[in-house]
Amino acid sequence: MTVIDAHTHILTEAMIADIAREVPALAPRLTRLDDGDAVLEILDVKQNPFPRSAWDLERRFADMAAQRVDMHVVCNIPHTFLYEADAGAADMVSEVQNAAISALCRQYPDRFLGLATVAMQDPARAAATLERAVTTHGLRGLHLGSNIAGRNLDDPALDAVWEVLDRHALFVLVHPHKVVAAERMRGYYLTNLIGNPLETTIAAASLVFGGVIERYPNIQFCLSHAGGFVPYQAGRFRHGWEVRKEPHARLKGDPVESLGRLLHDSITHAPGALQFLLDEVGAERIVFGSDYPFDMGTTRGVTEVEEAIGDVAARQAILEGNARRLLRAPAGH
């Protein structure tokens, strides 16, 4: 079995240098702390620590071997979505990253599959960049932030991007970004512990009740971090649809149908939660993910899947089969 990790991030030093050359105003700044970590700064975002494995390929390959992972689906780090920046400059940063990720996939075809990033604040420009990422750069889908400069994903202006994704039936990894209510979660790292899954939940609800999934059924939306709170609260979504008029504003069909199309990665950090996810959505809607290389990801994801899921066919689907199908991985890779 070829284990495919569908949720990993990358920002190499070469990518940083290329961004600095092409768009100096948006260049990430990397300050080494020691042999293992650095501080990454870009605009108002500061990631501390920023792990060396995000930019060091040798360390990444060693970690993959230790974690029993054969392939990484690589995408940009969320800090470089840059949805709040000037759209033209952000689009240039996206193009630099898409070209670099494409080059890595060509250089290491047995190791990497790639996802694109686009400047979603300018949907027409984003749609063109996404089309180029797929048809020219050979990338397999889109890495998408949970909100676009504070706007939810049901914004009708985003239809131009959904149309490209739907036409190519692409995989979309929905990742939390710029979390809501951050001012109330400054302590205890709650912006990540609670804020990230909450952001994913808001994004998913917007896609469901905004009718995006209903109107664009070919898009394969995958929710980071096991879907946030969505699997646990799906019954509440359904109940609200039955007793309130507000959820009917844009969604024509039953939300169960749209919820049933959502995919989830496997990052739960607990075998009981992963087993619940399996029971709730089925093995065919879960892809293995680790959130590599960040510390809120998991380094023992394969073992966690093995510990939680006894059925061999379900494990195979989660660790390889679903990602291979959704990302159209070539045979033998």
Protein backbone atom coordinates (compact mmCIF):
# COMPACT_ATOMS: atom_id res chain seq x y z
CA MET A 1 0.00 0.00 0.00
CA THR A 2 1.18 3.50 -0.88
CA VAL A 3 0.23 5.80 2.01
CA ILE A 4 -0.85 9.22 0.71
CA ASP A 5 -0.99 12.16 3.12
CA ALA A 6 -3.54 14.57 1.65
CA HIS A 7 -2.88 17.47 4.04
CA THR A 8 0.68 18.80 4.16
CA HIS A 9 2.22 22.26 3.74
CA ILE A 10 5.43 23.56 2.21
CA LEU A 11 7.35 26.82 1.88
CA THR A 12 10.92 26.26 0.76
CA GLU A 13 13.73 28.79 0.96
CA ALA A 14 13.74 28.88 -2.84
CA MET A 15 10.05 29.81 -2.80
CA ILE A 16 10.73 32.55 -0.25
CA ALA A 17 13.54 33.90 -2.43
CA ASP A 18 11.33 33.85 -5.53
CA ILE A 19 8.54 35.72 -3.72
CA ALA A 20 11.05 38.28 -2.44
CA ARG A 21 12.32 38.85 -5.96
CA GLU A 22 8.90 39.05 -7.65
CA VAL A 23 6.79 40.67 -4.91
CA PRO A 24 9.13 42.17 -2.29
CA ALA A 25 6.29 43.82 -0.35
CA LEU A 26 4.82 40.39 0.44
CA ALA A 27 8.04 38.48 1.02
CA PRO A 28 8.00 36.11 4.00
CA ARG A 29 10.82 36.76 6.49
CA LEU A 30 12.52 33.71 7.95
CA THR A 31 14.60 34.17 11.12
CA ARG A 32 16.46 31.08 12.32
CA LEU A 33 16.12 30.20 16.00
CA ASP A 34 18.19 27.02 16.02
CA ASP A 35 18.87 23.99 13.84
CA GLY A 36 15.24 22.92 13.99
CA ASP A 37 13.02 26.00 14.00
CA ALA A 38 12.67 29.56 12.81
CA VAL A 39 10.24 32.45 13.10
CA LEU A 40 8.23 33.22 9.97
CA GLU A 41 6.71 36.67 9.48
CA ILE A 42 4.51 37.84 6.63
CA LEU A 43 2.35 40.96 6.81
CA ASP A 44 0.68 40.85 10.26
CA VAL A 45 1.17 37.10 10.79
CA LYS A 46 3.96 35.66 12.91
CA GLN A 47 4.48 31.89 13.10
CA ASN A 48 6.66 30.87 16.03
CA PRO A 49 8.01 28.30 15.76
CA PHE A 50 8.09 27.69 12.04
CA PRO A 51 9.53 24.18 11.67
CA ARG A 52 12.59 23.50 9.53
CA SER A 53 10.76 20.59 7.93
CA ALA A 54 8.55 23.12 6.12
CA TRP A 55 11.49 24.14 3.95
CA ASP A 56 14.07 21.34 4.28
CA LEU A 57 13.28 18.50 1.84
CA GLU A 58 15.83 16.09 3.32
CA ARG A 59 14.20 16.44 6.72
CA ARG A 60 10.77 16.01 5.15
CA PHE A 61 11.78 12.80 3.41
CA ALA A 62 13.27 11.45 6.65
CA ASP A 63 10.07 12.29 8.52
CA MET A 64 7.96 10.63 5.83
CA ALA A 65 9.97 7.42 6.25
CA ALA A 66 9.68 7.54 10.03
CA GLN A 67 5.93 8.18 9.82
CA ARG A 68 5.41 5.45 7.18
CA VAL A 69 4.09 7.92 4.60
CA ASP A 70 4.99 7.48 0.93
CA MET A 71 3.48 10.57 -0.73
CA HIS A 72 2.68 14.10 0.39
CA VAL A 73 -0.04 16.20 -1.19
CA VAL A 74 1.71 19.55 -0.77
CA CYS A 75 0.09 22.97 -0.61
CA ASN A 76 1.08 26.44 0.50
CA ILE A 77 1.10 27.36 4.17
CA PRO A 78 -2.11 29.24 5.16
CA HIS A 79 -0.03 32.33 6.03
CA THR A 80 0.49 32.87 2.28
CA PHE A 81 -3.18 32.91 1.28
CA LEU A 82 -2.82 36.71 1.47
CA TYR A 83 -6.52 37.34 0.87
CA GLU A 84 -6.23 40.67 2.68
CA ALA A 85 -3.43 41.95 0.43
CA ASP A 86 -3.54 43.75 -2.90
CA ALA A 87 -5.07 41.25 -5.32
CA GLY A 88 -2.50 41.72 -8.06
CA ALA A 89 0.43 41.23 -5.70
CA ALA A 90 -1.25 38.27 -4.00
CA ASP A 91 -1.89 36.70 -7.40
CA MET A 92 1.81 36.98 -8.23
CA VAL A 93 2.70 35.24 -4.96
CA SER A 94 0.18 32.50 -5.80
CA GLU A 95 1.72 32.00 -9.22
CA VAL A 96 5.23 31.75 -7.73
CA GLN A 97 4.07 29.11 -5.28
CA ASN A 98 2.03 27.17 -7.85
CA ALA A 99 4.97 27.03 -10.24
CA ALA A 100 7.33 25.97 -7.45
CA ILE A 101 5.02 23.23 -6.18
CA SER A 102 4.55 22.01 -9.74
CA ALA A 103 8.32 21.84 -10.20
CA LEU A 104 8.68 19.80 -7.00
CA CYS A 105 6.01 17.39 -8.22
CA ARG A 106 7.85 16.93 -11.52
CA GLN A 107 11.18 16.48 -9.74
CA TYR A 108 9.79 13.98 -7.22
CA PRO A 109 6.79 12.33 -8.92
CA ASP A 110 6.81 9.40 -6.48
CA ARG A 111 6.78 11.75 -3.48
CA PHE A 112 4.56 14.73 -4.24
CA LEU A 113 1.19 15.71 -5.63
CA GLY A 114 0.37 19.41 -5.56
CA LEU A 115 -2.52 21.75 -4.77
CA ALA A 116 -2.78 25.33 -6.02
CA THR A 117 -3.41 28.55 -4.16
CA VAL A 118 -5.12 31.58 -5.71
CA ALA A 119 -5.95 35.18 -4.73
CA MET A 120 -9.61 34.58 -3.87
CA GLN A 121 -10.26 38.31 -3.16
CA ASP A 122 -10.32 38.77 -6.96
CA PRO A 123 -12.44 35.82 -8.15
CA ALA A 124 -12.04 36.46 -11.88
CA ARG A 125 -8.26 36.64 -11.56
CA ALA A 126 -8.32 33.65 -9.20
CA ALA A 127 -10.31 31.59 -11.71
CA ALA A 128 -7.75 32.30 -14.43
CA THR A 129 -4.83 31.46 -12.14
CA LEU A 130 -6.54 28.24 -11.06
CA GLU A 131 -7.17 27.23 -14.66
CA ARG A 132 -3.49 27.77 -15.41
CA ALA A 133 -2.44 25.88 -12.28
CA VAL A 134 -4.43 22.85 -13.40
CA THR A 135 -3.85 22.86 -17.16
CA THR A 136 -0.27 24.21 -17.29
CA HIS A 137 1.24 23.34 -13.92
CA GLY A 138 -0.54 20.02 -13.50
CA LEU A 139 -1.77 20.68 -9.96
CA ARG A 140 -4.57 18.47 -8.65
CA GLY A 141 -6.83 20.88 -6.82
CA LEU A 142 -7.04 23.96 -4.61
CA HIS A 143 -6.00 24.85 -1.07
CA LEU A 144 -8.72 27.23 0.11
CA GLY A 145 -8.98 29.44 3.18
CA SER A 146 -12.11 29.26 5.33
CA ASN A 147 -13.01 32.90 4.69
CA ILE A 148 -11.96 35.52 2.19
CA ALA A 149 -10.93 38.66 4.08
CA GLY A 150 -13.85 38.10 6.46
CA ARG A 151 -16.37 37.04 3.79
CA ASN A 152 -17.84 33.56 4.02
CA LEU A 153 -17.53 31.03 1.22
CA ASP A 154 -21.18 31.45 0.17
CA ASP A 155 -20.33 34.89 -1.31
CA PRO A 156 -21.87 34.88 -4.84
CA ALA A 157 -18.79 36.67 -6.15
CA LEU A 158 -16.83 33.43 -5.76
CA ASP A 159 -18.89 31.61 -8.39
CA ALA A 160 -16.20 32.18 -11.02
CA VAL A 161 -13.81 30.02 -8.99
CA TRP A 162 -16.43 27.37 -8.25
CA GLU A 163 -17.12 27.07 -11.98
CA VAL A 164 -13.49 26.16 -12.73
CA LEU A 165 -13.36 23.71 -9.85
CA ASP A 166 -16.63 22.09 -10.89
CA ARG A 167 -15.66 21.82 -14.56
CA HIS A 168 -12.47 19.97 -13.65
CA ALA A 169 -14.09 18.06 -10.73
CA LEU A 170 -11.26 19.15 -8.46
CA PHE A 171 -10.29 18.33 -4.88
CA VAL A 172 -10.44 21.35 -2.53
CA LEU A 173 -8.77 21.31 0.89
CA VAL A 174 -10.66 23.83 3.05
CA HIS A 175 -8.30 25.15 5.72
CA PRO A 176 -8.99 27.51 8.65
CA HIS A 177 -7.57 31.00 8.25
CA LYS A 178 -7.93 34.30 10.14
CA VAL A 179 -10.21 32.79 12.75
CA VAL A 180 -13.38 34.46 13.95
CA ALA A 181 -13.55 35.92 17.49
CA ALA A 182 -9.77 35.80 17.85
CA GLU A 183 -9.89 38.61 20.41
CA ARG A 184 -11.74 36.26 22.80
CA MET A 185 -9.25 33.44 22.29
CA ARG A 186 -5.93 35.12 22.94
CA GLY A 187 -5.04 32.89 25.89
CA TYR A 188 -4.23 29.20 26.08
CA TYR A 189 -3.66 28.91 22.29
CA LEU A 190 -7.44 28.85 21.86
CA THR A 191 -7.16 30.50 18.46
CA ASN A 192 -5.96 27.11 17.24
CA LEU A 193 -7.53 24.70 19.74
CA ILE A 194 -11.02 26.15 19.23
CA GLY A 195 -10.68 28.80 16.54
CA ASN A 196 -9.44 26.52 13.78
CA PRO A 197 -12.18 23.88 14.04
CA LEU A 198 -14.76 26.67 14.47
CA GLU A 199 -13.55 28.35 11.28
CA THR A 200 -13.81 25.07 9.39
CA THR A 201 -17.34 24.60 10.71
CA ILE A 202 -18.42 28.08 9.56
CA ALA A 203 -16.88 27.44 6.14
CA ALA A 204 -18.68 24.12 5.79
CA ALA A 205 -22.03 25.56 6.90
CA SER A 206 -21.64 28.39 4.39
CA LEU A 207 -20.95 25.92 1.58
CA VAL A 208 -23.93 23.80 2.59
CA PHE A 209 -26.59 26.41 3.37
CA GLY A 210 -25.30 28.83 0.74
CA GLY A 211 -26.08 26.17 -1.85
CA VAL A 212 -22.51 26.01 -3.18
CA ILE A 213 -22.23 22.23 -2.86
CA GLU A 214 -25.72 21.84 -4.31
CA ARG A 215 -24.97 24.01 -7.36
CA TYR A 216 -21.48 22.62 -7.99
CA PRO A 217 -21.75 18.89 -7.27
CA ASN A 218 -18.49 17.94 -8.98
CA ILE A 219 -16.29 19.84 -6.50
CA GLN A 220 -14.70 17.55 -3.90
CA PHE A 221 -14.64 19.77 -0.79
CA CYS A 222 -12.46 18.28 1.97
CA LEU A 223 -12.64 19.75 5.48
CA SER A 224 -9.39 20.05 7.44
CA HIS A 225 -8.93 18.63 10.93
CA ALA A 226 -11.66 15.99 10.56
CA GLY A 227 -14.30 18.57 9.68
CA GLY A 228 -14.03 20.79 12.73
CA PHE A 229 -17.31 20.47 14.62
CA VAL A 230 -19.35 19.50 11.54
CA PRO A 231 -19.63 15.71 12.01
CA TYR A 232 -20.65 16.13 15.64
CA GLN A 233 -23.18 18.90 14.90
CA ALA A 234 -24.58 17.64 11.58
CA GLY A 235 -27.77 16.59 13.36
CA ARG A 236 -28.22 20.16 14.59
CA PHE A 237 -27.87 21.41 11.00
CA ARG A 238 -30.59 18.99 9.90
CA HIS A 239 -32.88 19.90 12.81
CA GLY A 240 -32.49 23.62 12.11
CA TRP A 241 -33.50 23.02 8.50
CA GLU A 242 -36.69 21.31 9.66
CA VAL A 243 -37.84 23.88 12.22
CA ARG A 244 -36.55 27.24 10.93
CA LYS A 245 -37.03 29.17 7.70
CA GLU A 246 -33.60 30.89 7.67
CA PRO A 247 -31.61 27.84 6.48
CA HIS A 248 -33.89 27.70 3.39
CA ALA A 249 -32.84 31.14 2.12
CA ARG A 250 -30.49 29.80 -0.58
CA LEU A 251 -30.41 26.03 -0.25
CA LYS A 252 -33.11 24.30 -2.30
CA GLY A 253 -32.62 20.67 -1.28
CA ASP A 254 -32.20 18.94 2.05
CA PRO A 255 -28.87 19.80 3.74
CA VAL A 256 -28.32 16.07 4.26
CA GLU A 257 -27.53 15.80 0.56
CA SER A 258 -24.83 18.50 0.68
CA LEU A 259 -23.42 17.26 3.98
CA GLY A 260 -23.16 13.84 2.40
CA ARG A 261 -20.80 15.17 -0.25
CA LEU A 262 -18.29 16.66 2.17
CA LEU A 263 -14.96 14.91 2.67
CA HIS A 264 -12.88 15.03 5.86
CA ASP A 265 -9.25 14.47 6.66
CA SER A 266 -8.37 12.06 9.48
CA ILE A 267 -6.80 14.45 12.02
CA THR A 268 -8.67 13.86 15.28
CA HIS A 269 -5.83 13.11 17.76
CA ALA A 270 -8.10 10.53 19.39
CA PRO A 271 -9.11 7.03 18.25
CA GLY A 272 -12.66 7.37 19.56
CA ALA A 273 -13.21 10.54 17.57
CA LEU A 274 -11.81 8.93 14.42
CA GLN A 275 -14.07 5.92 14.92
CA PHE A 276 -17.04 8.28 15.35
CA LEU A 277 -16.10 10.07 12.12
CA LEU A 278 -15.94 6.73 10.32
CA ASP A 279 -19.36 5.71 11.66
CA GLU A 280 -20.86 9.10 10.82
CA VAL A 281 -19.60 9.68 7.26
CA GLY A 282 -18.21 6.34 6.03
CA ALA A 283 -14.70 5.32 4.96
CA GLU A 284 -15.16 6.61 1.41
CA ARG A 285 -15.38 10.20 2.68
CA ILE A 286 -12.20 10.27 4.79
CA VAL A 287 -8.68 10.91 3.49
CA PHE A 288 -5.55 10.49 5.53
CA GLY A 289 -3.99 13.78 6.62
CA SER A 290 -1.34 14.92 9.08
CA ASP A 291 -1.10 18.75 8.75
CA TYR A 292 2.65 18.24 8.31
CA PRO A 293 4.87 19.90 9.48
CA PHE A 294 3.02 21.95 12.10
CA ASP A 295 2.93 21.01 15.77
CA MET A 296 -0.88 20.80 15.87
CA GLY A 297 -0.70 18.08 13.25
CA THR A 298 0.15 14.47 13.99
CA THR A 299 3.39 12.54 13.58
CA ARG A 300 1.75 9.16 14.17
CA GLY A 301 -1.23 9.43 11.87
CA VAL A 302 -0.83 6.02 10.22
CA THR A 303 -0.67 4.36 13.63
CA GLU A 304 -3.73 6.33 14.76
CA VAL A 305 -5.71 5.06 11.77
CA GLU A 306 -4.57 1.51 12.47
CA GLU A 307 -5.49 1.79 16.17
CA ALA A 308 -8.94 3.24 15.53
CA ILE A 309 -10.05 1.29 12.47
CA GLY A 310 -9.97 -2.49 12.43
CA ASP A 311 -11.50 -3.03 9.01
CA VAL A 312 -8.69 -3.55 6.50
CA ALA A 313 -10.67 -2.26 3.50
CA ALA A 314 -11.62 0.92 5.36
CA ARG A 315 -8.00 1.52 6.37
CA GLN A 316 -6.82 1.03 2.79
CA ALA A 317 -9.42 3.49 1.50
CA ILE A 318 -8.42 6.13 4.05
CA LEU A 319 -4.65 5.70 3.76
CA GLU A 320 -4.48 5.41 -0.02
CA GLY A 321 -7.53 4.63 -2.11
CA ASN A 322 -9.63 7.74 -1.58
CA ALA A 323 -6.76 10.19 -2.14
CA ARG A 324 -5.61 8.28 -5.21
CA ARG A 325 -9.12 8.47 -6.68
CA LEU A 326 -9.87 12.08 -5.72
CA LEU A 327 -6.46 13.42 -6.79
CA ARG A 328 -6.13 11.13 -9.79
CA ALA A 329 -2.73 9.88 -8.75
CA PRO A 330 -1.06 8.00 -11.61
CA ALA A 331 -0.81 4.24 -11.29
CA GLY A 332 2.41 3.22 -9.62
CA HIS A 333 2.77 6.51 -7.71
